[in-house]
PDB file of N, CA and C in Angstrom:
ATOM      1  N   MET A   1     104.721  92.062 116.459  1.00  0.00           N
ATOM      2  CA  MET A   1     103.657  92.642 116.000  1.00  0.00           C
ATOM      3  C   MET A   1     103.327  92.239 114.605  1.00  0.00           C
ATOM      4  N   GLU A   2     102.192  91.884 114.209  1.00  0.00           N
ATOM      5  CA  GLU A   2     102.011  91.049 112.970  1.00  0.00           C
ATOM      6  C   GLU A   2     101.836  92.169 111.699  1.00  0.00           C
ATOM      7  N   GLU A   3     102.395  91.693 110.699  1.00  0.00           N
ATOM      8  CA  GLU A   3     102.347  92.644 109.547  1.00  0.00           C
ATOM      9  C   GLU A   3     101.157  92.864 108.855  1.00  0.00           C
ATOM     10  N   THR A   4     100.627  94.038 108.538  1.00  0.00           N
ATOM     11  CA  THR A   4      99.504  94.174 107.967  1.00  0.00           C
ATOM     12  C   THR A   4      99.654  94.546 106.532  1.00  0.00           C
ATOM     13  N   ALA A   5      98.569  94.455 105.667  1.00  0.00           N
ATOM     14  CA  ALA A   5      98.740  94.841 104.304  1.00  0.00           C
ATOM     15  C   ALA A   5      99.363  96.169 103.936  1.00  0.00           C
ATOM     16  N   ALA A   6      98.648  97.098 104.763  1.00  0.00           N
ATOM     17  CA  ALA A   6      98.881  98.373 104.617  1.00  0.00           C
ATOM     18  C   ALA A   6     100.485  98.702 104.789  1.00  0.00           C
ATOM     19  N   ASN A   7     101.158  98.042 105.779  1.00  0.00           N
ATOM     20  CA  ASN A   7     102.480  98.051 106.006  1.00  0.00           C
ATOM     21  C   ASN A   7     103.159  97.522 104.718  1.00  0.00           C
ATOM     22  N   ARG A   8     102.653  96.268 104.418  1.00  0.00           N
ATOM     23  CA  ARG A   8     103.330  95.646 103.312  1.00  0.00           C
ATOM     24  C   ARG A   8     103.387  96.583 101.983  1.00  0.00           C
ATOM     25  N   VAL A   9     102.362  97.048 101.611  1.00  0.00           N
ATOM     26  CA  VAL A   9     102.368  98.007 100.503  1.00  0.00           C
ATOM     27  C   VAL A   9     103.245  99.275 100.824  1.00  0.00           C
ATOM     28  N   ARG A  10     103.326  99.703 101.753  1.00  0.00           N
ATOM     29  CA  ARG A  10     104.294 100.836 102.045  1.00  0.00           C
ATOM     30  C   ARG A  10     105.686 100.321 101.966  1.00  0.00           C
ATOM     31  N   GLU A  11     105.957  99.133 102.527  1.00  0.00           N
ATOM     32  CA  GLU A  11     107.353  98.501 102.655  1.00  0.00           C
ATOM     33  C   GLU A  11     107.788  98.387 101.141  1.00  0.00           C
ATOM     34  N   LEU A  12     106.876  97.794 100.475  1.00  0.00           N
ATOM     35  CA  LEU A  12     107.201  97.475  99.012  1.00  0.00           C
ATOM     36  C   LEU A  12     107.521  98.578  98.045  1.00  0.00           C
ATOM     37  N   ARG A  13     106.358  99.578  98.402  1.00  0.00           N
ATOM     38  CA  ARG A  13     106.577 101.026  97.592  1.00  0.00           C
ATOM     39  C   ARG A  13     107.980 101.650  97.908  1.00  0.00           C
ATOM     40  N   GLU A  14     108.292 101.821  99.150  1.00  0.00           N
ATOM     41  CA  GLU A  14     109.571 102.399  99.675  1.00  0.00           C
ATOM     42  C   GLU A  14     110.689 101.560  99.104  1.00  0.00           C
ATOM     43  N   ALA A  15     110.652 100.300  99.071  1.00  0.00           N
ATOM     44  CA  ALA A  15     111.797  99.497  98.651  1.00  0.00           C
ATOM     45  C   ALA A  15     112.057  99.804  97.189  1.00  0.00           C
ATOM     46  N   ARG A  16     110.946 100.262  96.445  1.00  0.00           N
ATOM     47  CA  ARG A  16     111.391 100.643  95.172  1.00  0.00           C
ATOM     48  C   ARG A  16     111.812 102.309  94.881  1.00  0.00           C
ATOM     49  N   GLY A  17     111.781 102.669  96.212  1.00  0.00           N
ATOM     50  CA  GLY A  17     112.170 104.230  95.962  1.00  0.00           C
ATOM     51  C   GLY A  17     111.098 105.235  95.611  1.00  0.00           C
ATOM     52  N   TRP A  18     109.943 104.810  95.316  1.00  0.00           N
ATOM     53  CA  TRP A  18     108.624 105.323  94.922  1.00  0.00           C
ATOM     54  C   TRP A  18     107.804 106.090  95.968  1.00  0.00           C
ATOM     55  N   SER A  19     107.525 107.292  95.471  1.00  0.00           N
ATOM     56  CA  SER A  19     106.482 107.993  96.336  1.00  0.00           C
ATOM     57  C   SER A  19     105.253 107.407  96.368  1.00  0.00           C
ATOM     58  N   GLN A  20     104.198 107.976  97.089  1.00  0.00           N
ATOM     59  CA  GLN A  20     102.845 107.656  96.972  1.00  0.00           C
ATOM     60  C   GLN A  20     102.425 108.137  95.679  1.00  0.00           C
ATOM     61  N   SER A  21     102.760 109.065  95.073  1.00  0.00           N
ATOM     62  CA  SER A  21     102.006 109.615  93.790  1.00  0.00           C
ATOM     63  C   SER A  21     102.738 108.673  92.750  1.00  0.00           C
ATOM     64  N   VAL A  22     103.865 108.169  92.751  1.00  0.00           N
ATOM     65  CA  VAL A  22     104.114 107.257  91.587  1.00  0.00           C
ATOM     66  C   VAL A  22     103.519 106.000  91.755  1.00  0.00           C
ATOM     67  N   LEU A  23     103.235 105.379  92.804  1.00  0.00           N
ATOM     68  CA  LEU A  23     102.365 104.244  92.928  1.00  0.00           C
ATOM     69  C   LEU A  23     100.953 104.594  92.617  1.00  0.00           C
ATOM     70  N   ALA A  24     100.476 105.673  92.852  1.00  0.00           N
ATOM     71  CA  ALA A  24      99.142 106.025  92.585  1.00  0.00           C
ATOM     72  C   ALA A  24      99.051 106.127  90.979  1.00  0.00           C
ATOM     73  N   GLU A  25      99.957 106.625  90.549  1.00  0.00           N
ATOM     74  CA  GLU A  25      99.838 106.944  88.978  1.00  0.00           C
ATOM     75  C   GLU A  25      99.996 105.613  88.155  1.00  0.00           C
ATOM     76  N   THR A  26     100.881 104.690  88.892  1.00  0.00           N
ATOM     77  CA  THR A  26     101.033 103.355  88.136  1.00  0.00           C
ATOM     78  C   THR A  26      99.900 102.390  88.235  1.00  0.00           C
ATOM     79  N   VAL A  27      99.055 102.625  89.566  1.00  0.00           N
ATOM     80  CA  VAL A  27      98.038 101.704  89.382  1.00  0.00           C
ATOM     81  C   VAL A  27      96.673 102.591  89.131  1.00  0.00           C
ATOM     82  N   GLY A  28      96.712 103.763  88.906  1.00  0.00           N
ATOM     83  CA  GLY A  28      95.575 104.356  88.281  1.00  0.00           C
ATOM     84  C   GLY A  28      94.662 104.893  89.606  1.00  0.00           C
ATOM     85  N   LEU A  29      95.241 105.119  90.861  1.00  0.00           N
ATOM     86  CA  LEU A  29      94.653 105.773  91.874  1.00  0.00           C
ATOM     87  C   LEU A  29      94.997 107.189  92.203  1.00  0.00           C
ATOM     88  N   SER A  30      94.409 107.740  93.134  1.00  0.00           N
ATOM     89  CA  SER A  30      94.574 108.922  93.472  1.00  0.00           C
ATOM     90  C   SER A  30      95.787 108.894  94.543  1.00  0.00           C
ATOM     91  N   ARG A  31      96.701 109.709  94.892  1.00  0.00           N
ATOM     92  CA  ARG A  31      97.606 109.599  95.949  1.00  0.00           C
ATOM     93  C   ARG A  31      96.860 109.503  97.224  1.00  0.00           C
ATOM     94  N   GLN A  32      96.030 110.098  97.611  1.00  0.00           N
ATOM     95  CA  GLN A  32      95.000 110.222  98.807  1.00  0.00           C
ATOM     96  C   GLN A  32      94.526 108.571  99.006  1.00  0.00           C
ATOM     97  N   SER A  33      94.153 108.047  97.968  1.00  0.00           N
ATOM     98  CA  SER A  33      93.695 106.624  97.973  1.00  0.00           C
ATOM     99  C   SER A  33      94.844 105.572  98.414  1.00  0.00           C
ATOM    100  N   VAL A  34      96.041 105.812  97.819  1.00  0.00           N
ATOM    101  CA  VAL A  34      97.254 105.102  98.341  1.00  0.00           C
ATOM    102  C   VAL A  34      97.614 105.484  99.950  1.00  0.00           C
ATOM    103  N   PHE A  35      97.230 106.658 100.213  1.00  0.00           N
ATOM    104  CA  PHE A  35      97.564 107.000 101.584  1.00  0.00           C
ATOM    105  C   PHE A  35      96.654 106.080 102.433  1.00  0.00           C
ATOM    106  N   ALA A  36      95.336 106.145 102.131  1.00  0.00           N
ATOM    107  CA  ALA A  36      94.302 105.455 102.791  1.00  0.00           C
ATOM    108  C   ALA A  36      94.588 104.075 102.975  1.00  0.00           C
ATOM    109  N   ILE A  37      95.027 103.404 101.759  1.00  0.00           N
ATOM    110  CA  ILE A  37      95.331 101.922 101.989  1.00  0.00           C
ATOM    111  C   ILE A  37      96.458 101.855 102.729  1.00  0.00           C
ATOM    112  N   GLU A  38      97.633 102.623 102.614  1.00  0.00           N
ATOM    113  CA  GLU A  38      98.755 102.434 103.515  1.00  0.00           C
ATOM    114  C   GLU A  38      98.492 102.650 104.972  1.00  0.00           C
ATOM    115  N   THR A  39      97.564 103.551 105.281  1.00  0.00           N
ATOM    116  CA  THR A  39      97.292 103.898 106.624  1.00  0.00           C
ATOM    117  C   THR A  39      96.070 102.650 107.328  1.00  0.00           C
ATOM    118  N   GLY A  40      95.671 101.770 106.377  1.00  0.00           N
ATOM    119  CA  GLY A  40      94.792 101.082 106.917  1.00  0.00           C
ATOM    120  C   GLY A  40      93.210 101.572 106.986  1.00  0.00           C
ATOM    121  N   ARG A  41      93.023 102.640 106.414  1.00  0.00           N
ATOM    122  CA  ARG A  41      91.780 103.447 106.384  1.00  0.00           C
ATOM    123  C   ARG A  41      90.655 102.922 105.343  1.00  0.00           C
ATOM    124  N   ALA A  42      91.398 102.311 104.217  1.00  0.00           N
ATOM    125  CA  ALA A  42      90.861 101.704 103.222  1.00  0.00           C
ATOM    126  C   ALA A  42      91.101 100.388 102.689  1.00  0.00           C
ATOM    127  N   LEU A  43      90.182  99.665 102.322  1.00  0.00           N
ATOM    128  CA  LEU A  43      90.559  98.248 101.973  1.00  0.00           C
ATOM    129  C   LEU A  43      90.292  98.044 100.559  1.00  0.00           C
ATOM    130  N   PRO A  44      91.183  97.965  99.620  1.00  0.00           N
ATOM    131  CA  PRO A  44      90.972  97.859  98.285  1.00  0.00           C
ATOM    132  C   PRO A  44      90.144  96.886  97.707  1.00  0.00           C
ATOM    133  N   ALA A  45      89.618  97.318  96.624  1.00  0.00           N
ATOM    134  CA  ALA A  45      88.771  96.276  95.842  1.00  0.00           C
ATOM    135  C   ALA A  45      89.547  95.169  95.191  1.00  0.00           C
ATOM    136  N   VAL A  46      89.178  94.154  94.759  1.00  0.00           N
ATOM    137  CA  VAL A  46      89.814  93.042  94.184  1.00  0.00           C
ATOM    138  C   VAL A  46      90.707  93.497  92.855  1.00  0.00           C
ATOM    139  N   ASP A  47      90.295  94.334  91.949  1.00  0.00           N
ATOM    140  CA  ASP A  47      90.910  94.900  91.034  1.00  0.00           C
ATOM    141  C   ASP A  47      91.955  95.740  91.369  1.00  0.00           C
ATOM    142  N   ILE A  48      91.807  96.458  92.298  1.00  0.00           N
ATOM    143  CA  ILE A  48      92.971  97.400  92.755  1.00  0.00           C
ATOM    144  C   ILE A  48      93.988  96.556  93.581  1.00  0.00           C
ATOM    145  N   ALA A  49      93.588  95.553  94.332  1.00  0.00           N
ATOM    146  CA  ALA A  49      94.476  94.654  94.990  1.00  0.00           C
ATOM    147  C   ALA A  49      95.369  93.970  93.890  1.00  0.00           C
ATOM    148  N   LEU A  50      94.723  93.605  92.915  1.00  0.00           N
ATOM    149  CA  LEU A  50      95.483  93.083  91.777  1.00  0.00           C
ATOM    150  C   LEU A  50      96.481  93.912  91.207  1.00  0.00           C
ATOM    151  N   ARG A  51      96.294  95.171  90.914  1.00  0.00           N
ATOM    152  CA  ARG A  51      96.804  96.216  90.444  1.00  0.00           C
ATOM    153  C   ARG A  51      98.286  96.509  91.215  1.00  0.00           C
ATOM    154  N   LEU A  52      97.572  96.586  92.449  1.00  0.00           N
ATOM    155  CA  LEU A  52      98.869  96.748  93.424  1.00  0.00           C
ATOM    156  C   LEU A  52      99.579  95.791  93.496  1.00  0.00           C
ATOM    157  N   ALA A  53      99.326  94.506  93.508  1.00  0.00           N
ATOM    158  CA  ALA A  53     100.333  93.285  93.564  1.00  0.00           C
ATOM    159  C   ALA A  53     101.223  93.465  92.349  1.00  0.00           C
ATOM    160  N   LYS A  54     100.768  93.782  91.124  1.00  0.00           N
ATOM    161  CA  LYS A  54     101.337  93.531  90.024  1.00  0.00           C
ATOM    162  C   LYS A  54     102.495  94.553  89.857  1.00  0.00           C
ATOM    163  N   ALA A  55     102.002  96.041  90.540  1.00  0.00           N
ATOM    164  CA  ALA A  55     103.025  97.075  90.184  1.00  0.00           C
ATOM    165  C   ALA A  55     104.053  96.987  91.401  1.00  0.00           C
ATOM    166  N   LEU A  56     103.796  96.326  92.310  1.00  0.00           N
ATOM    167  CA  LEU A  56     104.858  96.116  93.449  1.00  0.00           C
ATOM    168  C   LEU A  56     105.549  94.745  93.498  1.00  0.00           C
ATOM    169  N   ASP A  57     105.190  93.764  92.267  1.00  0.00           N
ATOM    170  CA  ASP A  57     105.613  92.516  92.243  1.00  0.00           C
ATOM    171  C   ASP A  57     105.525  91.716  93.263  1.00  0.00           C
ATOM    172  N   CYS A  58     104.591  91.501  93.881  1.00  0.00           N
ATOM    173  CA  CYS A  58     104.056  90.852  95.141  1.00  0.00           C
ATOM    174  C   CYS A  58     102.713  90.092  94.571  1.00  0.00           C
ATOM    175  N   PRO A  59     102.810  88.667  95.148  1.00  0.00           N
ATOM    176  CA  PRO A  59     101.705  88.008  94.965  1.00  0.00           C
ATOM    177  C   PRO A  59     100.375  88.471  95.557  1.00  0.00           C
ATOM    178  N   VAL A  60      99.406  88.555  94.892  1.00  0.00           N
ATOM    179  CA  VAL A  60      98.196  89.192  95.413  1.00  0.00           C
ATOM    180  C   VAL A  60      97.629  88.178  96.856  1.00  0.00           C
ATOM    181  N   GLU A  61      98.009  87.071  96.750  1.00  0.00           N
ATOM    182  CA  GLU A  61      97.680  86.196  97.904  1.00  0.00           C
ATOM    183  C   GLU A  61      98.303  86.765  99.363  1.00  0.00           C
ATOM    184  N   GLY A  62      99.365  87.180  99.106  1.00  0.00           N
ATOM    185  CA  GLY A  62     100.223  87.840 100.205  1.00  0.00           C
ATOM    186  C   GLY A  62      99.775  89.022 100.784  1.00  0.00           C
ATOM    187  N   LEU A  63      99.119  89.767  99.896  1.00  0.00           N
ATOM    188  CA  LEU A  63      98.321  91.001 100.365  1.00  0.00           C
ATOM    189  C   LEU A  63      97.122  90.734 100.944  1.00  0.00           C
ATOM    190  N   ALA A  64      96.454  89.647 100.256  1.00  0.00           N
ATOM    191  CA  ALA A  64      95.144  89.383 100.563  1.00  0.00           C
ATOM    192  C   ALA A  64      95.112  88.609 102.155  1.00  0.00           C
ATOM    193  N   ALA A  65      95.950  87.876 102.423  1.00  0.00           N
ATOM    194  CA  ALA A  65      96.125  87.453 103.495  1.00  0.00           C
ATOM    195  C   ALA A  65      96.647  88.428 104.658  1.00  0.00           C
ATOM    196  N   ALA A  66      97.427  89.265 104.482  1.00  0.00           N
ATOM    197  CA  ALA A  66      97.641  90.360 105.365  1.00  0.00           C
ATOM    198  C   ALA A  66      96.407  91.293 105.520  1.00  0.00           C
ATOM    199  N   TYR A  67      95.480  91.693 104.588  1.00  0.00           N
ATOM    200  CA  TYR A  67      94.401  92.334 104.906  1.00  0.00           C
ATOM    201  C   TYR A  67      93.449  91.474 105.839  1.00  0.00           C
ATOM    202  N   ARG A  68      93.119  90.169 105.488  1.00  0.00           N
ATOM    203  CA  ARG A  68      92.473  89.375 106.373  1.00  0.00           C
ATOM    204  C   ARG A  68      92.822  89.581 107.845  1.00  0.00           C
ATOM    205  N   ALA A  69      94.139  89.442 108.115  1.00  0.00           N
ATOM    206  CA  ALA A  69      94.737  89.325 109.332  1.00  0.00           C
ATOM    207  C   ALA A  69      94.442  90.704 109.982  1.00  0.00           C
ATOM    208  N   SER A  70      94.701  91.735 109.086  1.00  0.00           N
ATOM    209  CA  SER A  70      94.453  93.312 109.673  1.00  0.00           C
ATOM    210  C   SER A  70      92.949  93.496 110.193  1.00  0.00           C
ATOM    211  N   ARG A  71      92.032  92.789 109.200  1.00  0.00           N
ATOM    212  CA  ARG A  71      90.678  93.092 109.305  1.00  0.00           C
ATOM    213  C   ARG A  71      90.284  92.252 110.953  1.00  0.00           C
ATOM    214  N   GLU A  72      90.718  91.154 110.941  1.00  0.00           N
ATOM    215  CA  GLU A  72      90.369  90.304 111.986  1.00  0.00           C
ATOM    216  C   GLU A  72      90.835  90.914 113.449  1.00  0.00           C
ATOM    217  N   LEU A  73      91.876  91.822 113.318  1.00  0.00           N
ATOM    218  CA  LEU A  73      92.309  92.452 114.548  1.00  0.00           C
ATOM    219  C   LEU A  73      91.367  93.426 114.808  1.00  0.00           C
ATOM    220  N   ARG A  74      90.593  94.094 114.019  1.00  0.00           N
ATOM    221  CA  ARG A  74      89.828  95.361 114.251  1.00  0.00           C
ATOM    222  C   ARG A  74      88.369  94.769 114.370  1.00  0.00           C
ATOM    223  N   THR A  75      87.916  93.455 114.151  1.00  0.00           N
ATOM    224  CA  THR A  75      86.688  93.036 114.404  1.00  0.00           C
ATOM    225  C   THR A  75      86.410  92.776 115.709  1.00  0.00           C
ATOM    226  N   PRO A  76      85.362  93.216 116.291  1.00  0.00           N
ATOM    227  CA  PRO A  76      84.978  92.776 117.822  1.00  0.00           C
ATOM    228  C   PRO A  76      84.570  91.548 117.815  1.00  0.00           C
ATOM    229  N   PRO A  77      84.715  90.876 118.687  1.00  0.00           N
ATOM    230  CA  PRO A  77      84.306  89.424 119.042  1.00  0.00           C
ATOM    231  C   PRO A  77      82.900  89.501 118.936  1.00  0.00           C
ATOM    232  N   ALA A  78      82.365  88.245 118.557  1.00  0.00           N
ATOM    233  CA  ALA A  78      80.846  88.247 118.222  1.00  0.00           C
ATOM    234  C   ALA A  78      79.964  88.447 119.329  1.00  0.00           C
ATOM    235  N   TRP A  79      80.749  88.088 120.644  1.00  0.00           N
ATOM    236  CA  TRP A  79      79.796  88.525 122.020  1.00  0.00           C
ATOM    237  C   TRP A  79      79.652  89.803 122.256  1.00  0.00           C
ATOM    238  N   CYS A  80      80.496  90.878 121.614  1.00  0.00           N
ATOM    239  CA  CYS A  80      80.365  92.211 122.004  1.00  0.00           C
ATOM    240  C   CYS A  80      79.044  92.977 121.602  1.00  0.00           C
TER     241      CYS A  80
END
């Protein structure tokens, strides 16, 4: 199974022992927004992705690549 950015955010947050609320406060989001990002229901804007990467001490390129991969999996083929 390919790792998605949503799973990566959750994995990095949990590795720090942070709750969704702690991450949300750290990056200036609501807990509900963090939940939506972690479940793949929301794609963060560039500024939010940068703040997430900084807070989680992860290169933003790693998150961006995972988001692209997860979006490609949900995008129907052009012929549909």
